[in-house]
Amino acid sequence: MTEPSITISPRAAKRIVELVSADRAASLFRVSVEGGGCSGFQYRFELASDTADDDILIERDGATVAIDPVSADFVKGSEIDFVDELIGAQFKIHNPNATASCGCGTSFSI
């Protein structure tokens, strides 16, 4: 199942391919949303080896991202990005649905 309203930036795709290539057990990158964090919800990023039947798969430049349907509702219209800044390198989600987010960039509220 593919969800075109969630996109992957070229930088994120490149980094995902690098991470998956370096981990023999991984075949894809999983993004999920969990309760918690300083703003109510937080993003979780992990390497994974398989998908669930109801996962939404997004692909770009050889990178595959899996998102469960519940998490996908929270990130509709978002872009998954990878930034390398002075304070560190990390995946970020540019989420138009978030009404607030914390300074770390991994938690948000809707």
PDB file of N, CA and C in Angstrom:
ATOM      1  N   MET A   1       0.854  -1.182   0.000  1.00  0.00           N
ATOM      2  CA  MET A   1       0.000   0.000   0.000  1.00  0.00           C
ATOM      3  C   MET A   1       0.897   1.241   0.000  1.00  0.00           C
ATOM      4  N   THR A   2       0.626   2.210  -0.848  1.00  0.00           N
ATOM      5  CA  THR A   2       1.466   3.391  -0.951  1.00  0.00           C
ATOM      6  C   THR A   2       0.663   4.630  -0.590  1.00  0.00           C
ATOM      7  N   GLU A   3       1.274   5.538   0.167  1.00  0.00           N
ATOM      8  CA  GLU A   3       0.632   6.787   0.580  1.00  0.00           C
ATOM      9  C   GLU A   3       1.433   7.958   0.015  1.00  0.00           C
ATOM     10  N   PRO A   4       0.986   8.517  -1.122  1.00  0.00           N
ATOM     11  CA  PRO A   4       1.770   9.556  -1.771  1.00  0.00           C
ATOM     12  C   PRO A   4       1.813  10.879  -1.012  1.00  0.00           C
ATOM     13  N   SER A   5       0.945  11.097  -0.040  1.00  0.00           N
ATOM     14  CA  SER A   5       0.952  12.383   0.648  1.00  0.00           C
ATOM     15  C   SER A   5       2.084  12.484   1.677  1.00  0.00           C
ATOM     16  N   ILE A   6       2.795  11.397   1.927  1.00  0.00           N
ATOM     17  CA  ILE A   6       3.960  11.410   2.799  1.00  0.00           C
ATOM     18  C   ILE A   6       5.176  11.237   1.895  1.00  0.00           C
ATOM     19  N   THR A   7       6.126  12.162   1.972  1.00  0.00           N
ATOM     20  CA  THR A   7       7.263  12.112   1.062  1.00  0.00           C
ATOM     21  C   THR A   7       8.581  11.968   1.819  1.00  0.00           C
ATOM     22  N   ILE A   8       9.607  11.591   1.098  1.00  0.00           N
ATOM     23  CA  ILE A   8      10.952  11.443   1.625  1.00  0.00           C
ATOM     24  C   ILE A   8      11.849  12.414   0.864  1.00  0.00           C
ATOM     25  N   SER A   9      12.611  13.227   1.567  1.00  0.00           N
ATOM     26  CA  SER A   9      13.527  14.146   0.889  1.00  0.00           C
ATOM     27  C   SER A   9      14.690  13.356   0.295  1.00  0.00           C
ATOM     28  N   PRO A  10      15.376  13.922  -0.697  1.00  0.00           N
ATOM     29  CA  PRO A  10      16.555  13.238  -1.250  1.00  0.00           C
ATOM     30  C   PRO A  10      17.622  12.957  -0.182  1.00  0.00           C
ATOM     31  N   ARG A  11      17.829  13.894   0.750  1.00  0.00           N
ATOM     32  CA  ARG A  11      18.816  13.690   1.822  1.00  0.00           C
ATOM     33  C   ARG A  11      18.429  12.522   2.714  1.00  0.00           C
ATOM     34  N   ALA A  12      17.141  12.429   3.065  1.00  0.00           N
ATOM     35  CA  ALA A  12      16.680  11.326   3.914  1.00  0.00           C
ATOM     36  C   ALA A  12      16.815  10.003   3.178  1.00  0.00           C
ATOM     37  N   ALA A  13      16.455   9.979   1.908  1.00  0.00           N
ATOM     38  CA  ALA A  13      16.567   8.738   1.129  1.00  0.00           C
ATOM     39  C   ALA A  13      18.014   8.262   1.097  1.00  0.00           C
ATOM     40  N   LYS A  14      18.939   9.179   0.860  1.00  0.00           N
ATOM     41  CA  LYS A  14      20.359   8.822   0.805  1.00  0.00           C
ATOM     42  C   LYS A  14      20.817   8.236   2.142  1.00  0.00           C
ATOM     43  N   ARG A  15      20.429   8.882   3.248  1.00  0.00           N
ATOM     44  CA  ARG A  15      20.856   8.408   4.573  1.00  0.00           C
ATOM     45  C   ARG A  15      20.215   7.069   4.917  1.00  0.00           C
ATOM     46  N   ILE A  16      18.958   6.870   4.559  1.00  0.00           N
ATOM     47  CA  ILE A  16      18.280   5.592   4.813  1.00  0.00           C
ATOM     48  C   ILE A  16      18.987   4.469   4.060  1.00  0.00           C
ATOM     49  N   VAL A  17      19.326   4.703   2.796  1.00  0.00           N
ATOM     50  CA  VAL A  17      20.042   3.698   2.009  1.00  0.00           C
ATOM     51  C   VAL A  17      21.371   3.359   2.683  1.00  0.00           C
ATOM     52  N   GLU A  18      22.092   4.361   3.172  1.00  0.00           N
ATOM     53  CA  GLU A  18      23.364   4.129   3.863  1.00  0.00           C
ATOM     54  C   GLU A  18      23.164   3.276   5.115  1.00  0.00           C
ATOM     55  N   LEU A  19      22.163   3.606   5.921  1.00  0.00           N
ATOM     56  CA  LEU A  19      21.914   2.877   7.165  1.00  0.00           C
ATOM     57  C   LEU A  19      21.493   1.435   6.907  1.00  0.00           C
ATOM     58  N   VAL A  20      20.585   1.240   5.959  1.00  0.00           N
ATOM     59  CA  VAL A  20      20.109  -0.113   5.643  1.00  0.00           C
ATOM     60  C   VAL A  20      21.256  -0.948   5.074  1.00  0.00           C
ATOM     61  N   SER A  21      22.098  -0.338   4.243  1.00  0.00           N
ATOM     62  CA  SER A  21      23.237  -1.063   3.660  1.00  0.00           C
ATOM     63  C   SER A  21      24.234  -1.509   4.724  1.00  0.00           C
ATOM     64  N   ALA A  22      24.356  -0.727   5.783  1.00  0.00           N
ATOM     65  CA  ALA A  22      25.319  -1.029   6.843  1.00  0.00           C
ATOM     66  C   ALA A  22      24.811  -2.067   7.843  1.00  0.00           C
ATOM     67  N   ASP A  23      23.517  -2.374   7.813  1.00  0.00           N
ATOM     68  CA  ASP A  23      22.917  -3.309   8.768  1.00  0.00           C
ATOM     69  C   ASP A  23      22.352  -4.506   7.999  1.00  0.00           C
ATOM     70  N   ARG A  24      23.043  -5.624   8.063  1.00  0.00           N
ATOM     71  CA  ARG A  24      22.627  -6.806   7.277  1.00  0.00           C
ATOM     72  C   ARG A  24      21.235  -7.305   7.629  1.00  0.00           C
ATOM     73  N   ALA A  25      20.770  -7.046   8.846  1.00  0.00           N
ATOM     74  CA  ALA A  25      19.455  -7.526   9.269  1.00  0.00           C
ATOM     75  C   ALA A  25      18.323  -6.619   8.787  1.00  0.00           C
ATOM     76  N   ALA A  26      18.647  -5.407   8.345  1.00  0.00           N
ATOM     77  CA  ALA A  26      17.615  -4.433   7.979  1.00  0.00           C
ATOM     78  C   ALA A  26      17.358  -4.434   6.477  1.00  0.00           C
ATOM     79  N   SER A  27      16.107  -4.179   6.130  1.00  0.00           N
ATOM     80  CA  SER A  27      15.756  -4.022   4.721  1.00  0.00           C
ATOM     81  C   SER A  27      14.968  -2.742   4.476  1.00  0.00           C
ATOM     82  N   LEU A  28      14.571  -2.068   5.559  1.00  0.00           N
ATOM     83  CA  LEU A  28      13.792  -0.841   5.421  1.00  0.00           C
ATOM     84  C   LEU A  28      13.899  -0.001   6.680  1.00  0.00           C
ATOM     85  N   PHE A  29      13.331   1.182   6.616  1.00  0.00           N
ATOM     86  CA  PHE A  29      13.344   2.157   7.705  1.00  0.00           C
ATOM     87  C   PHE A  29      11.907   2.337   8.161  1.00  0.00           C
ATOM     88  N   ARG A  30      11.648   2.220   9.448  1.00  0.00           N
ATOM     89  CA  ARG A  30      10.292   2.348   9.981  1.00  0.00           C
ATOM     90  C   ARG A  30      10.142   3.664  10.727  1.00  0.00           C
ATOM     91  N   VAL A  31       9.047   4.373  10.454  1.00  0.00           N
ATOM     92  CA  VAL A  31       8.683   5.602  11.157  1.00  0.00           C
ATOM     93  C   VAL A  31       7.366   5.337  11.858  1.00  0.00           C
ATOM     94  N   SER A  32       7.306   5.689  13.131  1.00  0.00           N
ATOM     95  CA  SER A  32       6.048   5.542  13.864  1.00  0.00           C
ATOM     96  C   SER A  32       5.850   6.730  14.796  1.00  0.00           C
ATOM     97  N   VAL A  33       4.635   6.880  15.268  1.00  0.00           N
ATOM     98  CA  VAL A  33       4.281   7.936  16.207  1.00  0.00           C
ATOM     99  C   VAL A  33       3.798   7.265  17.475  1.00  0.00           C
ATOM    100  N   GLU A  34       4.344   7.707  18.606  1.00  0.00           N
ATOM    101  CA  GLU A  34       3.974   7.148  19.908  1.00  0.00           C
ATOM    102  C   GLU A  34       3.533   8.272  20.833  1.00  0.00           C
ATOM    103  N   GLY A  35       2.718   7.935  21.807  1.00  0.00           N
ATOM    104  CA  GLY A  35       2.355   8.898  22.836  1.00  0.00           C
ATOM    105  C   GLY A  35       3.571   9.172  23.709  1.00  0.00           C
ATOM    106  N   GLY A  36       3.687  10.412  24.173  1.00  0.00           N
ATOM    107  CA  GLY A  36       4.807  10.758  25.046  1.00  0.00           C
ATOM    108  C   GLY A  36       5.576  11.930  24.496  1.00  0.00           C
ATOM    109  N   GLY A  37       6.754  12.147  25.035  1.00  0.00           N
ATOM    110  CA  GLY A  37       7.548  13.302  24.636  1.00  0.00           C
ATOM    111  C   GLY A  37       7.046  14.536  25.341  1.00  0.00           C
ATOM    112  N   CYS A  38       7.735  15.637  25.133  1.00  0.00           N
ATOM    113  CA  CYS A  38       7.359  16.850  25.863  1.00  0.00           C
ATOM    114  C   CYS A  38       6.192  17.593  25.233  1.00  0.00           C
ATOM    115  N   SER A  39       5.730  17.161  24.055  1.00  0.00           N
ATOM    116  CA  SER A  39       4.606  17.844  23.415  1.00  0.00           C
ATOM    117  C   SER A  39       3.385  16.947  23.213  1.00  0.00           C
ATOM    118  N   GLY A  40       3.393  15.720  23.717  1.00  0.00           N
ATOM    119  CA  GLY A  40       2.229  14.850  23.601  1.00  0.00           C
ATOM    120  C   GLY A  40       2.452  13.620  22.748  1.00  0.00           C
ATOM    121  N   PHE A  41       3.147  13.785  21.612  1.00  0.00           N
ATOM    122  CA  PHE A  41       3.473  12.671  20.730  1.00  0.00           C
ATOM    123  C   PHE A  41       4.946  12.763  20.365  1.00  0.00           C
ATOM    124  N   GLN A  42       5.521  11.631  19.998  1.00  0.00           N
ATOM    125  CA  GLN A  42       6.903  11.668  19.531  1.00  0.00           C
ATOM    126  C   GLN A  42       7.096  10.725  18.363  1.00  0.00           C
ATOM    127  N   TYR A  43       8.035  11.090  17.499  1.00  0.00           N
ATOM    128  CA  TYR A  43       8.377  10.259  16.354  1.00  0.00           C
ATOM    129  C   TYR A  43       9.376   9.202  16.800  1.00  0.00           C
ATOM    130  N   ARG A  44       9.266   8.027  16.206  1.00  0.00           N
ATOM    131  CA  ARG A  44      10.235   6.968  16.454  1.00  0.00           C
ATOM    132  C   ARG A  44      10.761   6.497  15.102  1.00  0.00           C
ATOM    133  N   PHE A  45      12.077   6.379  15.009  1.00  0.00           N
ATOM    134  CA  PHE A  45      12.739   5.939  13.787  1.00  0.00           C
ATOM    135  C   PHE A  45      13.532   4.689  14.108  1.00  0.00           C
ATOM    136  N   GLU A  46      13.409   3.644  13.255  1.00  0.00           N
ATOM    137  CA  GLU A  46      14.185   2.433  13.490  1.00  0.00           C
ATOM    138  C   GLU A  46      14.370   1.662  12.193  1.00  0.00           C
ATOM    139  N   LEU A  47      15.444   0.896  12.149  1.00  0.00           N
ATOM    140  CA  LEU A  47      15.656  -0.017  11.043  1.00  0.00           C
ATOM    141  C   LEU A  47      14.821  -1.262  11.298  1.00  0.00           C
ATOM    142  N   ALA A  48      14.292  -1.853  10.234  1.00  0.00           N
ATOM    143  CA  ALA A  48      13.437  -3.033  10.386  1.00  0.00           C
ATOM    144  C   ALA A  48      13.748  -4.026   9.266  1.00  0.00           C
ATOM    145  N   SER A  49      13.340  -5.257   9.495  1.00  0.00           N
ATOM    146  CA  SER A  49      13.603  -6.292   8.496  1.00  0.00           C
ATOM    147  C   SER A  49      12.349  -6.734   7.750  1.00  0.00           C
ATOM    148  N   ASP A  50      11.176  -6.379   8.276  1.00  0.00           N
ATOM    149  CA  ASP A  50       9.961  -6.797   7.580  1.00  0.00           C
ATOM    150  C   ASP A  50       8.841  -5.792   7.792  1.00  0.00           C
ATOM    151  N   THR A  51       7.780  -5.981   7.038  1.00  0.00           N
ATOM    152  CA  THR A  51       6.631  -5.093   7.118  1.00  0.00           C
ATOM    153  C   THR A  51       5.420  -5.860   7.623  1.00  0.00           C
ATOM    154  N   ALA A  52       4.454  -5.126   8.109  1.00  0.00           N
ATOM    155  CA  ALA A  52       3.156  -5.706   8.462  1.00  0.00           C
ATOM    156  C   ALA A  52       2.249  -5.590   7.235  1.00  0.00           C
ATOM    157  N   ASP A  53       1.220  -6.414   7.186  1.00  0.00           N
ATOM    158  CA  ASP A  53       0.314  -6.423   6.035  1.00  0.00           C
ATOM    159  C   ASP A  53      -0.331  -5.069   5.772  1.00  0.00           C
ATOM    160  N   ASP A  54      -0.567  -4.285   6.838  1.00  0.00           N
ATOM    161  CA  ASP A  54      -1.261  -3.015   6.663  1.00  0.00           C
ATOM    162  C   ASP A  54      -0.324  -1.804   6.631  1.00  0.00           C
ATOM    163  N   ASP A  55       0.997  -2.030   6.611  1.00  0.00           N
ATOM    164  CA  ASP A  55       1.941  -0.916   6.527  1.00  0.00           C
ATOM    165  C   ASP A  55       1.760  -0.131   5.232  1.00  0.00           C
ATOM    166  N   ILE A  56       2.014   1.151   5.319  1.00  0.00           N
ATOM    167  CA  ILE A  56       2.081   2.017   4.151  1.00  0.00           C
ATOM    168  C   ILE A  56       3.554   2.122   3.802  1.00  0.00           C
ATOM    169  N   LEU A  57       3.892   1.874   2.551  1.00  0.00           N
ATOM    170  CA  LEU A  57       5.286   1.909   2.109  1.00  0.00           C
ATOM    171  C   LEU A  57       5.506   3.118   1.210  1.00  0.00           C
ATOM    172  N   ILE A  58       6.569   3.854   1.505  1.00  0.00           N
ATOM    173  CA  ILE A  58       6.953   5.002   0.707  1.00  0.00           C
ATOM    174  C   ILE A  58       8.362   4.726   0.196  1.00  0.00           C
ATOM    175  N   GLU A  59       8.595   4.950  -1.089  1.00  0.00           N
ATOM    176  CA  GLU A  59       9.901   4.663  -1.664  1.00  0.00           C
ATOM    177  C   GLU A  59      10.437   5.873  -2.402  1.00  0.00           C
ATOM    178  N   ARG A  60      11.756   6.035  -2.315  1.00  0.00           N
ATOM    179  CA  ARG A  60      12.438   7.079  -3.074  1.00  0.00           C
ATOM    180  C   ARG A  60      13.912   6.710  -3.193  1.00  0.00           C
ATOM    181  N   ASP A  61      14.426   6.765  -4.384  1.00  0.00           N
ATOM    182  CA  ASP A  61      15.857   6.588  -4.649  1.00  0.00           C
ATOM    183  C   ASP A  61      16.452   5.369  -3.951  1.00  0.00           C
ATOM    184  N   GLY A  62      15.720   4.258  -3.934  1.00  0.00           N
ATOM    185  CA  GLY A  62      16.224   3.031  -3.331  1.00  0.00           C
ATOM    186  C   GLY A  62      15.934   2.877  -1.853  1.00  0.00           C
ATOM    187  N   ALA A  63      15.350   3.885  -1.230  1.00  0.00           N
ATOM    188  CA  ALA A  63      15.001   3.830   0.195  1.00  0.00           C
ATOM    189  C   ALA A  63      13.531   3.455   0.349  1.00  0.00           C
ATOM    190  N   THR A  64      13.246   2.588   1.314  1.00  0.00           N
ATOM    191  CA  THR A  64      11.872   2.209   1.617  1.00  0.00           C
ATOM    192  C   THR A  64      11.580   2.562   3.061  1.00  0.00           C
ATOM    193  N   VAL A  65      10.478   3.283   3.272  1.00  0.00           N
ATOM    194  CA  VAL A  65      10.016   3.646   4.607  1.00  0.00           C
ATOM    195  C   VAL A  65       8.666   2.991   4.824  1.00  0.00           C
ATOM    196  N   ALA A  66       8.504   2.340   5.980  1.00  0.00           N
ATOM    197  CA  ALA A  66       7.230   1.732   6.362  1.00  0.00           C
ATOM    198  C   ALA A  66       6.617   2.545   7.494  1.00  0.00           C
ATOM    199  N   ILE A  67       5.321   2.774   7.389  1.00  0.00           N
ATOM    200  CA  ILE A  67       4.577   3.503   8.424  1.00  0.00           C
ATOM    201  C   ILE A  67       3.275   2.756   8.666  1.00  0.00           C
ATOM    202  N   ASP A  68       2.966   2.487   9.935  1.00  0.00           N
ATOM    203  CA  ASP A  68       1.702   1.828  10.239  1.00  0.00           C
ATOM    204  C   ASP A  68       0.552   2.811  10.001  1.00  0.00           C
ATOM    205  N   PRO A  69      -0.658   2.321   9.744  1.00  0.00           N
ATOM    206  CA  PRO A  69      -1.780   3.203   9.400  1.00  0.00           C
ATOM    207  C   PRO A  69      -2.133   4.229  10.479  1.00  0.00           C
ATOM    208  N   VAL A  70      -2.023   3.874  11.749  1.00  0.00           N
ATOM    209  CA  VAL A  70      -2.347   4.825  12.818  1.00  0.00           C
ATOM    210  C   VAL A  70      -1.342   5.972  12.813  1.00  0.00           C
ATOM    211  N   SER A  71      -0.050   5.644  12.715  1.00  0.00           N
ATOM    212  CA  SER A  71       0.978   6.683  12.662  1.00  0.00           C
ATOM    213  C   SER A  71       0.832   7.536  11.407  1.00  0.00           C
ATOM    214  N   ALA A  72       0.455   6.906  10.296  1.00  0.00           N
ATOM    215  CA  ALA A  72       0.314   7.635   9.034  1.00  0.00           C
ATOM    216  C   ALA A  72      -0.726   8.743   9.150  1.00  0.00           C
ATOM    217  N   ASP A  73      -1.774   8.523   9.936  1.00  0.00           N
ATOM    218  CA  ASP A  73      -2.782   9.568  10.127  1.00  0.00           C
ATOM    219  C   ASP A  73      -2.179  10.822  10.754  1.00  0.00           C
ATOM    220  N   PHE A  74      -1.165  10.658  11.610  1.00  0.00           N
ATOM    221  CA  PHE A  74      -0.531  11.790  12.280  1.00  0.00           C
ATOM    222  C   PHE A  74       0.445  12.533  11.367  1.00  0.00           C
ATOM    223  N   VAL A  75       0.937  11.872  10.322  1.00  0.00           N
ATOM    224  CA  VAL A  75       1.963  12.492   9.484  1.00  0.00           C
ATOM    225  C   VAL A  75       1.526  12.708   8.025  1.00  0.00           C
ATOM    226  N   LYS A  76       0.227  12.645   7.764  1.00  0.00           N
ATOM    227  CA  LYS A  76      -0.263  12.912   6.409  1.00  0.00           C
ATOM    228  C   LYS A  76       0.224  14.282   5.945  1.00  0.00           C
ATOM    229  N   GLY A  77       0.698  14.327   4.715  1.00  0.00           N
ATOM    230  CA  GLY A  77       1.171  15.589   4.156  1.00  0.00           C
ATOM    231  C   GLY A  77       2.569  15.981   4.594  1.00  0.00           C
ATOM    232  N   SER A  78       3.247  15.112   5.335  1.00  0.00           N
ATOM    233  CA  SER A  78       4.567  15.431   5.880  1.00  0.00           C
ATOM    234  C   SER A  78       5.683  15.016   4.946  1.00  0.00           C
ATOM    235  N   GLU A  79       6.865  15.594   5.213  1.00  0.00           N
ATOM    236  CA  GLU A  79       8.083  15.184   4.530  1.00  0.00           C
ATOM    237  C   GLU A  79       9.060  14.648   5.570  1.00  0.00           C
ATOM    238  N   ILE A  80       9.609  13.483   5.300  1.00  0.00           N
ATOM    239  CA  ILE A  80      10.661  12.908   6.137  1.00  0.00           C
ATOM    240  C   ILE A  80      11.975  13.439   5.585  1.00  0.00           C
ATOM    241  N   ASP A  81      12.754  14.094   6.435  1.00  0.00           N
ATOM    242  CA  ASP A  81      13.989  14.739   6.002  1.00  0.00           C
ATOM    243  C   ASP A  81      15.141  14.283   6.887  1.00  0.00           C
ATOM    244  N   PHE A  82      16.350  14.516   6.429  1.00  0.00           N
ATOM    245  CA  PHE A  82      17.551  14.276   7.232  1.00  0.00           C
ATOM    246  C   PHE A  82      18.359  15.558   7.208  1.00  0.00           C
ATOM    247  N   VAL A  83      18.673  16.065   8.394  1.00  0.00           N
ATOM    248  CA  VAL A  83      19.432  17.312   8.483  1.00  0.00           C
ATOM    249  C   VAL A  83      20.739  17.061   9.217  1.00  0.00           C
ATOM    250  N   ASP A  84      21.775  17.718   8.749  1.00  0.00           N
ATOM    251  CA  ASP A  84      23.093  17.628   9.356  1.00  0.00           C
ATOM    252  C   ASP A  84      23.488  19.051   9.710  1.00  0.00           C
ATOM    253  N   GLU A  85      23.244  19.410  10.977  1.00  0.00           N
ATOM    254  CA  GLU A  85      23.481  20.766  11.442  1.00  0.00           C
ATOM    255  C   GLU A  85      24.611  20.778  12.463  1.00  0.00           C
ATOM    256  N   LEU A  86      24.998  21.940  12.879  1.00  0.00           N
ATOM    257  CA  LEU A  86      26.052  22.105  13.859  1.00  0.00           C
ATOM    258  C   LEU A  86      25.755  21.347  15.153  1.00  0.00           C
ATOM    259  N   ILE A  87      24.481  21.297  15.535  1.00  0.00           N
ATOM    260  CA  ILE A  87      24.104  20.623  16.786  1.00  0.00           C
ATOM    261  C   ILE A  87      23.957  19.120  16.634  1.00  0.00           C
ATOM    262  N   GLY A  88      24.064  18.616  15.408  1.00  0.00           N
ATOM    263  CA  GLY A  88      23.988  17.175  15.189  1.00  0.00           C
ATOM    264  C   GLY A  88      23.190  16.817  13.948  1.00  0.00           C
ATOM    265  N   ALA A  89      23.295  15.559  13.576  1.00  0.00           N
ATOM    266  CA  ALA A  89      22.573  15.044  12.421  1.00  0.00           C
ATOM    267  C   ALA A  89      21.401  14.207  12.907  1.00  0.00           C
ATOM    268  N   GLN A  90      20.240  14.373  12.258  1.00  0.00           N
ATOM    269  CA  GLN A  90      19.065  13.623  12.676  1.00  0.00           C
ATOM    270  C   GLN A  90      17.996  13.630  11.598  1.00  0.00           C
ATOM    271  N   PHE A  91      17.096  12.653  11.709  1.00  0.00           N
ATOM    272  CA  PHE A  91      15.918  12.654  10.860  1.00  0.00           C
ATOM    273  C   PHE A  91      14.921  13.627  11.469  1.00  0.00           C
ATOM    274  N   LYS A  92      14.224  14.360  10.597  1.00  0.00           N
ATOM    275  CA  LYS A  92      13.187  15.297  11.035  1.00  0.00           C
ATOM    276  C   LYS A  92      11.968  15.091  10.164  1.00  0.00           C
ATOM    277  N   ILE A  93      10.822  15.293  10.747  1.00  0.00           N
ATOM    278  CA  ILE A  93       9.581  15.244   9.978  1.00  0.00           C
ATOM    279  C   ILE A  93       8.998  16.644   9.938  1.00  0.00           C
ATOM    280  N   HIS A  94       8.850  17.159   8.723  1.00  0.00           N
ATOM    281  CA  HIS A  94       8.209  18.458   8.523  1.00  0.00           C
ATOM    282  C   HIS A  94       6.714  18.169   8.421  1.00  0.00           C
ATOM    283  N   ASN A  95       6.010  18.365   9.549  1.00  0.00           N
ATOM    284  CA  ASN A  95       4.619  17.935   9.681  1.00  0.00           C
ATOM    285  C   ASN A  95       3.684  19.146   9.703  1.00  0.00           C
ATOM    286  N   PRO A  96       2.894  19.347   8.644  1.00  0.00           N
ATOM    287  CA  PRO A  96       1.975  20.486   8.614  1.00  0.00           C
ATOM    288  C   PRO A  96       0.815  20.342   9.603  1.00  0.00           C
ATOM    289  N   ASN A  97       0.616  19.151  10.160  1.00  0.00           N
ATOM    290  CA  ASN A  97      -0.475  18.919  11.111  1.00  0.00           C
ATOM    291  C   ASN A  97      -0.098  19.284  12.539  1.00  0.00           C
ATOM    292  N   ALA A  98       1.197  19.426  12.812  1.00  0.00           N
ATOM    293  CA  ALA A  98       1.650  19.699  14.172  1.00  0.00           C
ATOM    294  C   ALA A  98       1.347  21.149  14.535  1.00  0.00           C
ATOM    295  N   THR A  99       0.702  21.355  15.673  1.00  0.00           N
ATOM    296  CA  THR A  99       0.408  22.706  16.134  1.00  0.00           C
ATOM    297  C   THR A  99       1.516  23.237  17.033  1.00  0.00           C
ATOM    298  N   ALA A 100       2.333  22.355  17.565  1.00  0.00           N
ATOM    299  CA  ALA A 100       3.483  22.738  18.390  1.00  0.00           C
ATOM    300  C   ALA A 100       4.498  21.613  18.342  1.00  0.00           C
ATOM    301  N   SER A 101       5.745  21.957  18.540  1.00  0.00           N
ATOM    302  CA  SER A 101       6.789  20.947  18.628  1.00  0.00           C
ATOM    303  C   SER A 101       7.848  21.435  19.593  1.00  0.00           C
ATOM    304  N   CYS A 102       8.637  20.507  20.101  1.00  0.00           N
ATOM    305  CA  CYS A 102       9.663  20.898  21.060  1.00  0.00           C
ATOM    306  C   CYS A 102      10.969  21.159  20.335  1.00  0.00           C
ATOM    307  N   GLY A 103      11.921  21.694  21.035  1.00  0.00           N
ATOM    308  CA  GLY A 103      13.194  22.058  20.451  1.00  0.00           C
ATOM    309  C   GLY A 103      13.979  20.885  19.892  1.00  0.00           C
ATOM    310  N   CYS A 104      13.768  19.691  20.421  1.00  0.00           N
ATOM    311  CA  CYS A 104      14.537  18.537  19.941  1.00  0.00           C
ATOM    312  C   CYS A 104      14.052  18.071  18.576  1.00  0.00           C
ATOM    313  N   GLY A 105      12.843  18.451  18.183  1.00  0.00           N
ATOM    314  CA  GLY A 105      12.320  18.084  16.880  1.00  0.00           C
ATOM    315  C   GLY A 105      11.728  16.696  16.794  1.00  0.00           C
ATOM    316  N   THR A 106      11.686  15.966  17.908  1.00  0.00           N
ATOM    317  CA  THR A 106      11.131  14.614  17.842  1.00  0.00           C
ATOM    318  C   THR A 106       9.769  14.496  18.507  1.00  0.00           C
ATOM    319  N   SER A 107       9.303  15.527  19.194  1.00  0.00           N
ATOM    320  CA  SER A 107       7.967  15.437  19.773  1.00  0.00           C
ATOM    321  C   SER A 107       7.127  16.608  19.278  1.00  0.00           C
ATOM    322  N   PHE A 108       5.801  16.392  19.264  1.00  0.00           N
ATOM    323  CA  PHE A 108       4.890  17.366  18.697  1.00  0.00           C
ATOM    324  C   PHE A 108       3.507  17.198  19.289  1.00  0.00           C
ATOM    325  N   SER A 109       2.650  18.183  19.047  1.00  0.00           N
ATOM    326  CA  SER A 109       1.240  18.062  19.421  1.00  0.00           C
ATOM    327  C   SER A 109       0.392  18.432  18.217  1.00  0.00           C
ATOM    328  N   ILE A 110      -0.846  17.926  18.259  1.00  0.00           N
ATOM    329  CA  ILE A 110      -1.797  18.187  17.157  1.00  0.00           C
ATOM    330  C   ILE A 110      -3.031  18.823  17.744  1.00  0.00           C
TER     331      ILE A 110
END
